[in-house]
Every structure is written in structure tokens, then in C-alpha cells.
Amino acid sequence: MGELRIKERNKVNHGGRKARAKGLVPGVLYGKNINNFMFEISSLELDREVCNVGEHGILNVEFNGDSKQVLIKEVQREPVNHEIIHIDLEMIAKGEKIETEVPIQYIGEKLLTKKGAVLQKEKDSVKVSCDSASLPKSVKLDVSRGINGSVYRLDDIEVASEISILEDLNSVVASISNEKKLVAELVEQELAPVQKITKDKYTKND
């Protein structure tokens, strides 16, 4: 993990658009013992590190001459090109227990597609608790052996003993259905309003 340099941003003189035009991303750093600190950071360096640790991962930043660990709390992206336009960071102490969302990585989804099955995802991420050193980039759920009707719950996700899932383990995260059956159901739903209108029309004529 590299160390990122953040530079204090004058909110009055340097708006977010001006910062981004210079290849910088505006952000805010906060924590238990500091006031909100408005900063700017190189977009290239930030993109590289977010790609490495994920959008809820841990970063090292140089702050007031010291190296500090921070947790990515929120990443805002431009809706068209998905470039980062703002970031929120929370300062944390080494070894401190943190709570954050981590993405769920579904393993074997392509294999299901080849079998003519569809994976219907109910959740893309899950809230976990752990210390900063144990925070994973994602948690994995293997669905490769699933069949039509298979249902996956949070309890099916295996995590290290240092990590606790903070949601109901019985919550459904995904299910598998037959592709042909799913298409037939969608067509039936599409035709239902038309069939009702046609039926009502003939009823009135009678």
C-alpha cells in the first residue's frame, strides 16, 4: 500500500470543478480527534490506490507531516465516465475495530450462464466489523455448483475468524433460476396488461 499526499484545500478560492480541471480530486478527512480537513489529492494516485484496496478499503496518507491510516467512507463518481469527483476519509487508529461495507464477489457466475441459469443478486455488499489489518477487499461466495432453485444466504459466505458479519446471517443474497423459465415469466408479465384490455373490450361489446 502506497502513501498518498493530501494537500489542504481552500474551500473559498478553489472549488471542486477547478480542482478536477487540474487533475486533483477534492475530499474531506475527519476523525475523533481532528476537525474536518478539506483537501485535494492527485486523481491518478487516488485512482490507483482505490483500485488496489477497493472503495471501502484502508489507505495511508501523509497528514501534518505524519503517516496516518484512513478508511474510505464514501467515493462519489461522475455518472457518465465514472471518474472520482469527491472522496470522504475517516482517520482510524492502527488495530482499531472498524465497521464498513465490503463488496460481495460472486464466484462461478459465468459457469451458471453457460448452463442456461440466471443468478439473481439481492445484495452487492455486506457490512462487516474487523480491525484495519484484517479488512478484505471483498468477500467471496461460490455459486458455481448452484442449480435452479438454489438460494444463497449471508451464512453461506465464508470469512476469516477475525471478521464479523453485522447483518442477519439468514438474509438472502442471491438465488438461481432457469433462464427459459425466467424469460417466460417476463413475457407473461408483459402480456398481462394487454390481455386484460382485450378482455375488457370484448366484455363491453357483449
N, C-alpha and C. Protein backbone atom coordinates (compact mmCIF):
# COMPACT_ATOMS: atom_id res chain seq x y z
N MET A 1 0.84 -1.20 0.00
CA MET A 1 0.00 0.00 0.00
C MET A 1 0.88 1.24 0.00
N GLY A 2 0.68 2.12 -0.98
CA GLY A 2 1.46 3.35 -1.06
C GLY A 2 0.93 4.41 -0.11
N GLU A 3 1.69 5.48 0.01
CA GLU A 3 1.26 6.60 0.86
C GLU A 3 0.84 7.77 -0.02
N LEU A 4 -0.33 8.28 0.23
CA LEU A 4 -0.87 9.38 -0.55
C LEU A 4 -0.64 10.70 0.16
N ARG A 5 -0.28 11.71 -0.60
CA ARG A 5 -0.10 13.04 -0.04
C ARG A 5 -1.37 13.85 -0.27
N ILE A 6 -1.91 14.38 0.80
CA ILE A 6 -3.09 15.23 0.67
C ILE A 6 -2.70 16.67 1.01
N LYS A 7 -3.22 17.58 0.25
CA LYS A 7 -2.89 19.00 0.41
C LYS A 7 -4.13 19.76 0.82
N GLU A 8 -3.97 20.64 1.82
CA GLU A 8 -5.12 21.40 2.30
C GLU A 8 -5.73 22.22 1.18
N ARG A 9 -7.06 22.23 1.14
CA ARG A 9 -7.79 22.95 0.09
C ARG A 9 -8.50 24.14 0.69
N ASN A 10 -8.31 25.29 0.05
CA ASN A 10 -9.04 26.50 0.44
C ASN A 10 -10.40 26.44 -0.21
N LYS A 11 -11.43 26.19 0.60
CA LYS A 11 -12.78 25.99 0.07
C LYS A 11 -13.30 27.20 -0.68
N VAL A 12 -12.89 28.40 -0.26
CA VAL A 12 -13.40 29.62 -0.88
C VAL A 12 -12.79 29.85 -2.25
N ASN A 13 -11.48 29.67 -2.35
CA ASN A 13 -10.78 30.02 -3.59
C ASN A 13 -10.65 28.88 -4.59
N HIS A 14 -10.85 27.65 -4.12
CA HIS A 14 -10.64 26.52 -5.02
C HIS A 14 -11.85 25.60 -4.97
N GLY A 15 -12.78 25.78 -5.89
CA GLY A 15 -13.94 24.92 -5.96
C GLY A 15 -13.59 23.56 -6.52
N GLY A 16 -14.55 22.62 -6.39
CA GLY A 16 -14.32 21.26 -6.85
C GLY A 16 -14.02 21.18 -8.33
N ARG A 17 -14.71 21.97 -9.14
CA ARG A 17 -14.50 21.93 -10.60
C ARG A 17 -13.09 22.38 -10.96
N LYS A 18 -12.61 23.44 -10.30
CA LYS A 18 -11.26 23.94 -10.58
C LYS A 18 -10.22 22.90 -10.19
N ALA A 19 -10.45 22.24 -9.08
CA ALA A 19 -9.50 21.21 -8.63
C ALA A 19 -9.45 20.06 -9.64
N ARG A 20 -10.62 19.61 -10.10
CA ARG A 20 -10.66 18.50 -11.04
C ARG A 20 -10.04 18.87 -12.39
N ALA A 21 -10.17 20.16 -12.77
CA ALA A 21 -9.57 20.61 -14.02
C ALA A 21 -8.05 20.54 -13.95
N LYS A 22 -7.49 20.57 -12.74
CA LYS A 22 -6.03 20.50 -12.55
C LYS A 22 -5.57 19.06 -12.27
N GLY A 23 -6.48 18.10 -12.44
CA GLY A 23 -6.12 16.71 -12.19
C GLY A 23 -6.12 16.36 -10.72
N LEU A 24 -6.90 17.11 -9.92
CA LEU A 24 -6.99 16.88 -8.48
C LEU A 24 -8.42 16.49 -8.10
N VAL A 25 -8.55 15.74 -7.03
CA VAL A 25 -9.86 15.35 -6.51
C VAL A 25 -10.04 15.98 -5.14
N PRO A 26 -11.12 16.74 -4.91
CA PRO A 26 -11.38 17.30 -3.59
C PRO A 26 -11.91 16.23 -2.64
N GLY A 27 -11.65 16.44 -1.35
CA GLY A 27 -12.13 15.48 -0.37
C GLY A 27 -12.17 16.09 1.01
N VAL A 28 -12.67 15.30 1.97
CA VAL A 28 -12.71 15.73 3.36
C VAL A 28 -12.23 14.59 4.25
N LEU A 29 -11.39 14.93 5.22
CA LEU A 29 -10.87 13.98 6.19
C LEU A 29 -11.41 14.36 7.57
N TYR A 30 -11.93 13.37 8.29
CA TYR A 30 -12.45 13.64 9.63
C TYR A 30 -12.11 12.47 10.54
N GLY A 31 -12.28 12.68 11.83
CA GLY A 31 -11.97 11.64 12.81
C GLY A 31 -12.31 12.11 14.20
N LYS A 32 -11.99 11.26 15.19
CA LYS A 32 -12.37 11.54 16.57
C LYS A 32 -11.66 12.75 17.15
N ASN A 33 -10.40 12.93 16.81
CA ASN A 33 -9.61 13.98 17.45
C ASN A 33 -9.18 15.09 16.50
N ILE A 34 -9.83 15.20 15.35
CA ILE A 34 -9.47 16.27 14.41
C ILE A 34 -10.73 16.95 13.89
N ASN A 35 -10.56 18.20 13.50
CA ASN A 35 -11.65 18.90 12.83
C ASN A 35 -11.68 18.49 11.36
N ASN A 36 -12.81 18.68 10.73
CA ASN A 36 -12.91 18.36 9.30
C ASN A 36 -11.80 19.07 8.52
N PHE A 37 -11.07 18.30 7.74
CA PHE A 37 -9.93 18.82 6.98
C PHE A 37 -10.23 18.69 5.50
N MET A 38 -10.41 19.82 4.82
CA MET A 38 -10.68 19.83 3.38
C MET A 38 -9.36 19.70 2.63
N PHE A 39 -9.29 18.79 1.67
CA PHE A 39 -8.02 18.55 0.99
C PHE A 39 -8.22 18.32 -0.51
N GLU A 40 -7.08 18.29 -1.20
CA GLU A 40 -7.02 17.90 -2.61
C GLU A 40 -5.99 16.79 -2.75
N ILE A 41 -6.20 15.92 -3.74
CA ILE A 41 -5.29 14.81 -3.93
C ILE A 41 -5.19 14.50 -5.42
N SER A 42 -4.06 14.02 -5.88
CA SER A 42 -3.87 13.67 -7.28
C SER A 42 -4.87 12.59 -7.69
N SER A 43 -5.60 12.85 -8.77
CA SER A 43 -6.61 11.89 -9.23
C SER A 43 -5.96 10.58 -9.69
N LEU A 44 -4.78 10.67 -10.32
CA LEU A 44 -4.11 9.47 -10.80
C LEU A 44 -3.68 8.57 -9.64
N GLU A 45 -3.08 9.19 -8.61
CA GLU A 45 -2.64 8.43 -7.46
C GLU A 45 -3.83 7.83 -6.71
N LEU A 46 -4.90 8.62 -6.60
CA LEU A 46 -6.09 8.15 -5.88
C LEU A 46 -6.75 6.99 -6.63
N ASP A 47 -6.87 7.11 -7.94
CA ASP A 47 -7.45 6.03 -8.74
C ASP A 47 -6.68 4.72 -8.55
N ARG A 48 -5.35 4.84 -8.55
CA ARG A 48 -4.51 3.65 -8.40
C ARG A 48 -4.74 2.97 -7.06
N GLU A 49 -4.77 3.75 -5.99
CA GLU A 49 -4.91 3.17 -4.66
C GLU A 49 -6.32 2.63 -4.41
N VAL A 50 -7.35 3.34 -4.91
CA VAL A 50 -8.73 2.85 -4.74
C VAL A 50 -8.91 1.55 -5.51
N CYS A 51 -8.27 1.46 -6.66
CA CYS A 51 -8.31 0.22 -7.44
C CYS A 51 -7.65 -0.93 -6.67
N ASN A 52 -6.60 -0.62 -5.93
CA ASN A 52 -5.88 -1.65 -5.18
C ASN A 52 -6.63 -2.11 -3.94
N VAL A 53 -7.24 -1.19 -3.20
CA VAL A 53 -7.84 -1.54 -1.90
C VAL A 53 -9.36 -1.63 -1.94
N GLY A 54 -9.99 -1.13 -3.01
CA GLY A 54 -11.45 -1.12 -3.06
C GLY A 54 -12.03 0.18 -2.52
N GLU A 55 -13.31 0.40 -2.77
CA GLU A 55 -13.94 1.68 -2.42
C GLU A 55 -14.29 1.82 -0.95
N HIS A 56 -14.01 0.79 -0.14
CA HIS A 56 -14.22 0.89 1.30
C HIS A 56 -12.98 0.40 2.06
N GLY A 57 -11.84 0.52 1.40
CA GLY A 57 -10.61 -0.01 1.97
C GLY A 57 -9.84 0.99 2.82
N ILE A 58 -8.63 0.58 3.20
CA ILE A 58 -7.74 1.37 4.05
C ILE A 58 -6.64 2.00 3.20
N LEU A 59 -6.37 3.29 3.45
CA LEU A 59 -5.30 4.00 2.77
C LEU A 59 -4.32 4.57 3.79
N ASN A 60 -3.09 4.77 3.37
CA ASN A 60 -2.11 5.52 4.15
C ASN A 60 -1.98 6.90 3.54
N VAL A 61 -2.13 7.95 4.35
CA VAL A 61 -1.99 9.31 3.83
C VAL A 61 -1.00 10.08 4.69
N GLU A 62 -0.33 11.04 4.05
CA GLU A 62 0.57 11.93 4.78
C GLU A 62 -0.24 13.13 5.23
N PHE A 63 -0.36 13.30 6.55
CA PHE A 63 -1.19 14.35 7.12
C PHE A 63 -0.42 15.06 8.23
N ASN A 64 -0.22 16.38 8.06
CA ASN A 64 0.53 17.17 9.04
C ASN A 64 1.92 16.58 9.32
N GLY A 65 2.56 16.07 8.27
CA GLY A 65 3.91 15.54 8.41
C GLY A 65 3.99 14.13 8.92
N ASP A 66 2.85 13.52 9.26
CA ASP A 66 2.84 12.14 9.77
C ASP A 66 2.06 11.23 8.83
N SER A 67 2.39 9.94 8.89
CA SER A 67 1.67 8.94 8.12
C SER A 67 0.48 8.43 8.94
N LYS A 68 -0.70 8.52 8.38
CA LYS A 68 -1.91 8.12 9.08
C LYS A 68 -2.69 7.10 8.26
N GLN A 69 -3.38 6.22 8.97
CA GLN A 69 -4.29 5.28 8.30
C GLN A 69 -5.68 5.90 8.25
N VAL A 70 -6.32 5.77 7.08
CA VAL A 70 -7.68 6.30 6.93
C VAL A 70 -8.54 5.25 6.26
N LEU A 71 -9.83 5.29 6.59
CA LEU A 71 -10.82 4.40 6.00
C LEU A 71 -11.62 5.18 4.95
N ILE A 72 -11.76 4.62 3.77
CA ILE A 72 -12.57 5.27 2.74
C ILE A 72 -14.04 5.11 3.14
N LYS A 73 -14.70 6.23 3.39
CA LYS A 73 -16.10 6.19 3.82
C LYS A 73 -17.07 6.36 2.65
N GLU A 74 -16.70 7.20 1.68
CA GLU A 74 -17.59 7.41 0.54
C GLU A 74 -16.77 7.88 -0.67
N VAL A 75 -17.08 7.29 -1.81
CA VAL A 75 -16.48 7.71 -3.08
C VAL A 75 -17.60 8.17 -3.99
N GLN A 76 -17.53 9.41 -4.45
CA GLN A 76 -18.51 9.92 -5.40
C GLN A 76 -17.90 9.91 -6.80
N ARG A 77 -18.66 9.38 -7.76
CA ARG A 77 -18.17 9.28 -9.13
C ARG A 77 -19.07 10.04 -10.09
N GLU A 78 -18.46 10.52 -11.17
CA GLU A 78 -19.22 11.17 -12.24
C GLU A 78 -20.05 10.08 -12.93
N PRO A 79 -21.36 10.31 -13.12
CA PRO A 79 -22.23 9.23 -13.61
C PRO A 79 -21.93 8.72 -15.01
N VAL A 80 -21.31 9.54 -15.87
CA VAL A 80 -21.06 9.13 -17.25
C VAL A 80 -19.74 8.40 -17.40
N ASN A 81 -18.64 9.04 -17.00
CA ASN A 81 -17.32 8.42 -17.18
C ASN A 81 -16.80 7.72 -15.91
N HIS A 82 -17.56 7.81 -14.81
CA HIS A 82 -17.24 7.12 -13.55
C HIS A 82 -15.94 7.57 -12.90
N GLU A 83 -15.44 8.75 -13.27
CA GLU A 83 -14.26 9.28 -12.61
C GLU A 83 -14.61 9.73 -11.19
N ILE A 84 -13.65 9.57 -10.28
CA ILE A 84 -13.87 10.01 -8.89
C ILE A 84 -13.92 11.54 -8.86
N ILE A 85 -14.99 12.09 -8.27
CA ILE A 85 -15.11 13.55 -8.19
C ILE A 85 -15.05 14.05 -6.75
N HIS A 86 -15.16 13.14 -5.77
CA HIS A 86 -15.04 13.54 -4.36
C HIS A 86 -14.85 12.29 -3.52
N ILE A 87 -14.13 12.45 -2.40
CA ILE A 87 -13.90 11.31 -1.52
C ILE A 87 -13.95 11.75 -0.06
N ASP A 88 -14.55 10.92 0.78
CA ASP A 88 -14.60 11.14 2.23
C ASP A 88 -13.70 10.11 2.91
N LEU A 89 -12.83 10.56 3.81
CA LEU A 89 -11.92 9.68 4.53
C LEU A 89 -12.10 9.85 6.03
N GLU A 90 -12.01 8.76 6.77
CA GLU A 90 -12.08 8.81 8.23
C GLU A 90 -10.78 8.29 8.82
N MET A 91 -10.15 9.10 9.67
CA MET A 91 -8.90 8.69 10.30
C MET A 91 -9.17 7.61 11.34
N ILE A 92 -8.34 6.57 11.34
CA ILE A 92 -8.50 5.48 12.29
C ILE A 92 -7.16 5.18 12.94
N ALA A 93 -7.23 4.55 14.11
CA ALA A 93 -6.01 4.14 14.80
C ALA A 93 -5.65 2.72 14.40
N LYS A 94 -4.36 2.42 14.33
CA LYS A 94 -3.94 1.07 13.98
C LYS A 94 -4.47 0.08 15.01
N GLY A 95 -5.09 -1.00 14.51
CA GLY A 95 -5.66 -2.01 15.39
C GLY A 95 -7.08 -1.70 15.83
N GLU A 96 -7.57 -0.52 15.47
CA GLU A 96 -8.93 -0.13 15.86
C GLU A 96 -9.98 -0.95 15.12
N LYS A 97 -11.03 -1.35 15.82
CA LYS A 97 -12.14 -2.05 15.19
C LYS A 97 -12.92 -1.07 14.33
N ILE A 98 -13.19 -1.47 13.10
CA ILE A 98 -13.93 -0.61 12.20
C ILE A 98 -15.14 -1.36 11.65
N GLU A 99 -16.15 -0.60 11.25
CA GLU A 99 -17.34 -1.16 10.61
C GLU A 99 -17.49 -0.52 9.25
N THR A 100 -17.62 -1.34 8.22
CA THR A 100 -17.74 -0.81 6.86
C THR A 100 -18.38 -1.84 5.95
N GLU A 101 -18.75 -1.39 4.76
CA GLU A 101 -19.31 -2.28 3.74
C GLU A 101 -18.18 -2.83 2.89
N VAL A 102 -18.27 -4.11 2.54
CA VAL A 102 -17.34 -4.70 1.57
C VAL A 102 -18.15 -5.39 0.47
N PRO A 103 -17.67 -5.34 -0.76
CA PRO A 103 -18.41 -5.96 -1.87
C PRO A 103 -18.47 -7.48 -1.75
N ILE A 104 -19.55 -8.04 -2.28
CA ILE A 104 -19.66 -9.50 -2.41
C ILE A 104 -19.22 -9.89 -3.81
N GLN A 105 -18.24 -10.77 -3.90
CA GLN A 105 -17.76 -11.25 -5.20
C GLN A 105 -18.35 -12.64 -5.45
N TYR A 106 -19.16 -12.73 -6.48
CA TYR A 106 -19.82 -13.99 -6.81
C TYR A 106 -18.91 -14.82 -7.73
N ILE A 107 -18.49 -15.98 -7.24
CA ILE A 107 -17.57 -16.85 -7.99
C ILE A 107 -18.39 -17.91 -8.75
N GLY A 108 -18.12 -18.03 -10.05
CA GLY A 108 -18.78 -19.07 -10.85
C GLY A 108 -20.01 -18.61 -11.59
N GLU A 109 -20.22 -17.29 -11.66
CA GLU A 109 -21.42 -16.78 -12.34
C GLU A 109 -21.39 -17.10 -13.84
N LYS A 110 -20.22 -17.03 -14.46
CA LYS A 110 -20.12 -17.34 -15.90
C LYS A 110 -20.47 -18.79 -16.18
N LEU A 111 -20.12 -19.67 -15.25
CA LEU A 111 -20.42 -21.09 -15.41
C LEU A 111 -21.94 -21.31 -15.38
N LEU A 112 -22.63 -20.58 -14.53
CA LEU A 112 -24.08 -20.68 -14.48
C LEU A 112 -24.71 -20.25 -15.80
N THR A 113 -24.18 -19.17 -16.36
CA THR A 113 -24.70 -18.66 -17.64
C THR A 113 -24.57 -19.72 -18.73
N LYS A 114 -23.45 -20.43 -18.75
CA LYS A 114 -23.25 -21.49 -19.74
C LYS A 114 -24.26 -22.61 -19.56
N LYS A 115 -24.73 -22.80 -18.32
CA LYS A 115 -25.71 -23.85 -18.04
C LYS A 115 -27.14 -23.39 -18.35
N GLY A 116 -27.28 -22.11 -18.74
CA GLY A 116 -28.62 -21.59 -19.03
C GLY A 116 -29.36 -21.13 -17.79
N ALA A 117 -28.60 -20.83 -16.73
CA ALA A 117 -29.20 -20.37 -15.48
C ALA A 117 -28.91 -18.89 -15.27
N VAL A 118 -29.73 -18.26 -14.43
CA VAL A 118 -29.58 -16.83 -14.14
C VAL A 118 -29.37 -16.63 -12.65
N LEU A 119 -28.33 -15.87 -12.30
CA LEU A 119 -28.08 -15.52 -10.90
C LEU A 119 -28.76 -14.20 -10.59
N GLN A 120 -29.73 -14.24 -9.71
CA GLN A 120 -30.45 -13.03 -9.31
C GLN A 120 -29.87 -12.53 -7.98
N LYS A 121 -29.17 -11.39 -8.04
CA LYS A 121 -28.47 -10.86 -6.86
C LYS A 121 -29.39 -9.93 -6.07
N GLU A 122 -29.47 -10.20 -4.78
CA GLU A 122 -30.24 -9.33 -3.88
C GLU A 122 -29.35 -8.33 -3.16
N LYS A 123 -28.06 -8.67 -3.03
CA LYS A 123 -27.12 -7.79 -2.33
C LYS A 123 -25.80 -7.75 -3.09
N ASP A 124 -25.20 -6.56 -3.13
CA ASP A 124 -23.88 -6.39 -3.76
C ASP A 124 -22.78 -6.22 -2.72
N SER A 125 -23.18 -5.95 -1.46
CA SER A 125 -22.18 -5.74 -0.42
C SER A 125 -22.75 -6.16 0.92
N VAL A 126 -21.88 -6.26 1.91
CA VAL A 126 -22.29 -6.66 3.26
C VAL A 126 -21.49 -5.86 4.28
N LYS A 127 -22.13 -5.54 5.40
CA LYS A 127 -21.46 -4.78 6.46
C LYS A 127 -20.70 -5.72 7.37
N VAL A 128 -19.42 -5.38 7.61
CA VAL A 128 -18.57 -6.23 8.44
C VAL A 128 -17.88 -5.39 9.51
N SER A 129 -17.34 -6.11 10.49
CA SER A 129 -16.53 -5.47 11.54
C SER A 129 -15.22 -6.26 11.67
N CYS A 130 -14.10 -5.52 11.75
CA CYS A 130 -12.79 -6.14 11.92
C CYS A 130 -11.77 -5.03 12.19
N ASP A 131 -10.53 -5.41 12.47
CA ASP A 131 -9.50 -4.39 12.61
C ASP A 131 -8.97 -4.04 11.22
N SER A 132 -8.26 -2.94 11.13
CA SER A 132 -7.84 -2.42 9.83
C SER A 132 -6.95 -3.41 9.07
N ALA A 133 -6.15 -4.19 9.78
CA ALA A 133 -5.23 -5.12 9.12
C ALA A 133 -5.97 -6.31 8.50
N SER A 134 -7.17 -6.59 8.98
CA SER A 134 -7.92 -7.77 8.52
C SER A 134 -8.99 -7.44 7.49
N LEU A 135 -9.15 -6.16 7.17
CA LEU A 135 -10.23 -5.76 6.25
C LEU A 135 -9.98 -6.32 4.85
N PRO A 136 -10.90 -7.14 4.32
CA PRO A 136 -10.71 -7.69 2.97
C PRO A 136 -11.20 -6.72 1.90
N LYS A 137 -10.67 -6.86 0.69
CA LYS A 137 -11.13 -6.05 -0.42
C LYS A 137 -12.54 -6.45 -0.82
N SER A 138 -12.86 -7.74 -0.64
CA SER A 138 -14.20 -8.26 -0.92
C SER A 138 -14.37 -9.57 -0.17
N VAL A 139 -15.62 -10.04 -0.08
CA VAL A 139 -15.89 -11.38 0.44
C VAL A 139 -16.43 -12.21 -0.71
N LYS A 140 -16.12 -13.50 -0.72
CA LYS A 140 -16.43 -14.34 -1.87
C LYS A 140 -17.56 -15.33 -1.55
N LEU A 141 -18.42 -15.52 -2.54
CA LEU A 141 -19.49 -16.51 -2.44
C LEU A 141 -19.46 -17.36 -3.70
N ASP A 142 -19.20 -18.66 -3.53
CA ASP A 142 -19.10 -19.59 -4.67
C ASP A 142 -20.50 -20.09 -5.05
N VAL A 143 -20.93 -19.74 -6.26
CA VAL A 143 -22.26 -20.16 -6.73
C VAL A 143 -22.14 -21.13 -7.90
N SER A 144 -20.94 -21.60 -8.18
CA SER A 144 -20.68 -22.39 -9.38
C SER A 144 -21.44 -23.72 -9.39
N ARG A 145 -21.75 -24.27 -8.23
CA ARG A 145 -22.44 -25.57 -8.16
C ARG A 145 -23.95 -25.41 -8.00
N GLY A 146 -24.42 -24.19 -8.09
CA GLY A 146 -25.85 -23.95 -7.91
C GLY A 146 -26.70 -24.52 -9.03
N ILE A 147 -27.95 -24.83 -8.70
CA ILE A 147 -28.91 -25.32 -9.69
C ILE A 147 -30.18 -24.48 -9.58
N ASN A 148 -31.11 -24.70 -10.50
CA ASN A 148 -32.37 -23.97 -10.48
C ASN A 148 -33.04 -24.11 -9.11
N GLY A 149 -33.33 -22.99 -8.48
CA GLY A 149 -33.96 -23.01 -7.16
C GLY A 149 -33.00 -22.82 -6.01
N SER A 150 -31.69 -22.84 -6.28
CA SER A 150 -30.71 -22.64 -5.21
C SER A 150 -30.85 -21.24 -4.62
N VAL A 151 -30.77 -21.14 -3.30
CA VAL A 151 -30.85 -19.86 -2.59
C VAL A 151 -29.62 -19.71 -1.71
N TYR A 152 -28.99 -18.55 -1.79
CA TYR A 152 -27.79 -18.29 -1.01
C TYR A 152 -28.06 -17.21 0.03
N ARG A 153 -27.55 -17.44 1.23
CA ARG A 153 -27.74 -16.50 2.34
C ARG A 153 -26.38 -16.00 2.84
N LEU A 154 -26.42 -14.97 3.68
CA LEU A 154 -25.16 -14.44 4.21
C LEU A 154 -24.38 -15.51 4.96
N ASP A 155 -25.07 -16.45 5.53
CA ASP A 155 -24.42 -17.53 6.27
C ASP A 155 -23.57 -18.42 5.36
N ASP A 156 -23.82 -18.36 4.04
CA ASP A 156 -23.04 -19.16 3.09
C ASP A 156 -21.70 -18.52 2.74
N ILE A 157 -21.51 -17.27 3.14
CA ILE A 157 -20.25 -16.57 2.86
C ILE A 157 -19.24 -16.91 3.95
N GLU A 158 -18.10 -17.44 3.53
CA GLU A 158 -17.05 -17.80 4.48
C GLU A 158 -16.09 -16.62 4.65
N VAL A 159 -15.89 -16.20 5.89
CA VAL A 159 -14.95 -15.12 6.18
C VAL A 159 -13.97 -15.59 7.25
N ALA A 160 -12.84 -14.90 7.33
CA ALA A 160 -11.82 -15.24 8.33
C ALA A 160 -12.39 -15.02 9.74
N SER A 161 -11.80 -15.70 10.71
CA SER A 161 -12.29 -15.62 12.09
C SER A 161 -12.19 -14.21 12.66
N GLU A 162 -11.30 -13.39 12.08
CA GLU A 162 -11.12 -12.02 12.58
C GLU A 162 -12.23 -11.08 12.09
N ILE A 163 -13.07 -11.57 11.18
CA ILE A 163 -14.09 -10.72 10.56
C ILE A 163 -15.48 -11.16 11.01
N SER A 164 -16.31 -10.19 11.40
CA SER A 164 -17.69 -10.48 11.81
C SER A 164 -18.66 -9.82 10.83
N ILE A 165 -19.65 -10.58 10.38
CA ILE A 165 -20.71 -10.02 9.54
C ILE A 165 -21.77 -9.42 10.46
N LEU A 166 -22.13 -8.17 10.21
CA LEU A 166 -23.01 -7.43 11.12
C LEU A 166 -24.47 -7.42 10.68
N GLU A 167 -24.82 -8.30 9.77
CA GLU A 167 -26.20 -8.37 9.29
C GLU A 167 -26.78 -9.74 9.60
N ASP A 168 -28.10 -9.86 9.47
CA ASP A 168 -28.78 -11.12 9.71
C ASP A 168 -28.23 -12.19 8.77
N LEU A 169 -27.63 -13.22 9.33
CA LEU A 169 -27.00 -14.26 8.51
C LEU A 169 -28.01 -15.06 7.70
N ASN A 170 -29.28 -14.94 8.03
CA ASN A 170 -30.33 -15.65 7.29
C ASN A 170 -30.82 -14.86 6.08
N SER A 171 -30.30 -13.62 5.91
CA SER A 171 -30.73 -12.77 4.80
C SER A 171 -30.30 -13.38 3.46
N VAL A 172 -31.22 -13.37 2.49
CA VAL A 172 -30.93 -13.90 1.16
C VAL A 172 -30.07 -12.89 0.40
N VAL A 173 -28.99 -13.40 -0.21
CA VAL A 173 -28.12 -12.53 -1.01
C VAL A 173 -28.25 -12.81 -2.50
N ALA A 174 -28.65 -14.04 -2.86
CA ALA A 174 -28.80 -14.38 -4.28
C ALA A 174 -29.59 -15.67 -4.43
N SER A 175 -30.13 -15.87 -5.62
CA SER A 175 -30.84 -17.11 -5.95
C SER A 175 -30.62 -17.43 -7.42
N ILE A 176 -30.88 -18.68 -7.77
CA ILE A 176 -30.67 -19.12 -9.15
C ILE A 176 -31.99 -19.59 -9.75
N SER A 177 -32.27 -19.16 -10.96
CA SER A 177 -33.48 -19.60 -11.66
C SER A 177 -33.11 -20.01 -13.08
N ASN A 178 -33.99 -20.83 -13.67
CA ASN A 178 -33.77 -21.27 -15.04
C ASN A 178 -34.01 -20.12 -16.00
N GLU A 179 -33.09 -19.90 -16.95
CA GLU A 179 -33.19 -18.77 -17.86
C GLU A 179 -34.47 -18.81 -18.68
N LYS A 180 -34.84 -19.97 -19.24
CA LYS A 180 -36.04 -20.08 -20.07
C LYS A 180 -37.30 -19.78 -19.26
N LYS A 181 -37.33 -20.29 -18.02
CA LYS A 181 -38.48 -20.06 -17.16
C LYS A 181 -38.60 -18.59 -16.82
N LEU A 182 -37.44 -17.94 -16.56
CA LEU A 182 -37.45 -16.53 -16.22
C LEU A 182 -37.95 -15.69 -17.39
N VAL A 183 -37.49 -16.02 -18.61
CA VAL A 183 -37.93 -15.29 -19.80
C VAL A 183 -39.43 -15.47 -19.99
N ALA A 184 -39.93 -16.69 -19.80
CA ALA A 184 -41.36 -16.96 -19.96
C ALA A 184 -42.18 -16.14 -18.97
N GLU A 185 -41.69 -16.03 -17.72
CA GLU A 185 -42.40 -15.24 -16.71
C GLU A 185 -42.43 -13.77 -17.08
N LEU A 186 -41.30 -13.27 -17.62
CA LEU A 186 -41.24 -11.86 -18.01
C LEU A 186 -42.19 -11.58 -19.17
N VAL A 187 -42.26 -12.50 -20.14
CA VAL A 187 -43.18 -12.34 -21.28
C VAL A 187 -44.62 -12.36 -20.79
N GLU A 188 -44.90 -13.24 -19.85
CA GLU A 188 -46.26 -13.33 -19.30
C GLU A 188 -46.65 -12.04 -18.59
N GLN A 189 -45.69 -11.46 -17.86
CA GLN A 189 -45.96 -10.19 -17.17
C GLN A 189 -46.20 -9.07 -18.17
N GLU A 190 -45.45 -9.10 -19.29
CA GLU A 190 -45.61 -8.07 -20.32
C GLU A 190 -46.98 -8.17 -21.00
N LEU A 191 -47.44 -9.41 -21.21
CA LEU A 191 -48.69 -9.62 -21.94
C LEU A 191 -49.93 -9.45 -21.08
N ALA A 192 -49.78 -9.55 -19.76
CA ALA A 192 -50.93 -9.49 -18.86
C ALA A 192 -51.77 -8.24 -19.03
N PRO A 193 -51.17 -7.02 -19.08
CA PRO A 193 -52.00 -5.82 -19.26
C PRO A 193 -52.74 -5.81 -20.60
N VAL A 194 -52.08 -6.31 -21.66
CA VAL A 194 -52.70 -6.35 -22.98
C VAL A 194 -53.89 -7.29 -22.99
N GLN A 195 -53.71 -8.45 -22.36
CA GLN A 195 -54.78 -9.44 -22.30
C GLN A 195 -55.97 -8.90 -21.51
N LYS A 196 -55.71 -8.13 -20.46
CA LYS A 196 -56.79 -7.56 -19.65
C LYS A 196 -57.57 -6.54 -20.45
N ILE A 197 -56.85 -5.69 -21.20
CA ILE A 197 -57.53 -4.67 -22.02
C ILE A 197 -58.40 -5.33 -23.08
N THR A 198 -57.86 -6.37 -23.73
CA THR A 198 -58.61 -7.08 -24.77
C THR A 198 -59.87 -7.74 -24.19
N LYS A 199 -59.72 -8.34 -23.01
CA LYS A 199 -60.84 -8.99 -22.35
C LYS A 199 -61.91 -7.99 -21.99
N ASP A 200 -61.50 -6.83 -21.43
CA ASP A 200 -62.44 -5.79 -21.05
C ASP A 200 -63.18 -5.26 -22.27
N LYS A 201 -62.49 -5.15 -23.41
CA LYS A 201 -63.07 -4.62 -24.64
C LYS A 201 -64.20 -5.53 -25.12
N TYR A 202 -63.93 -6.84 -25.13
CA TYR A 202 -64.94 -7.77 -25.60
C TYR A 202 -66.10 -7.87 -24.61
N THR A 203 -65.83 -7.70 -23.34
CA THR A 203 -66.89 -7.74 -22.33
C THR A 203 -67.85 -6.59 -22.53
N LYS A 204 -67.31 -5.39 -22.83
CA LYS A 204 -68.15 -4.22 -23.06
C LYS A 204 -68.99 -4.38 -24.32
N ASN A 205 -68.38 -4.97 -25.38
CA ASN A 205 -69.11 -5.16 -26.64
C ASN A 205 -70.27 -6.13 -26.47
N ASP A 206 -70.08 -7.12 -25.59
CA ASP A 206 -71.16 -8.07 -25.34
C ASP A 206 -72.32 -7.39 -24.62
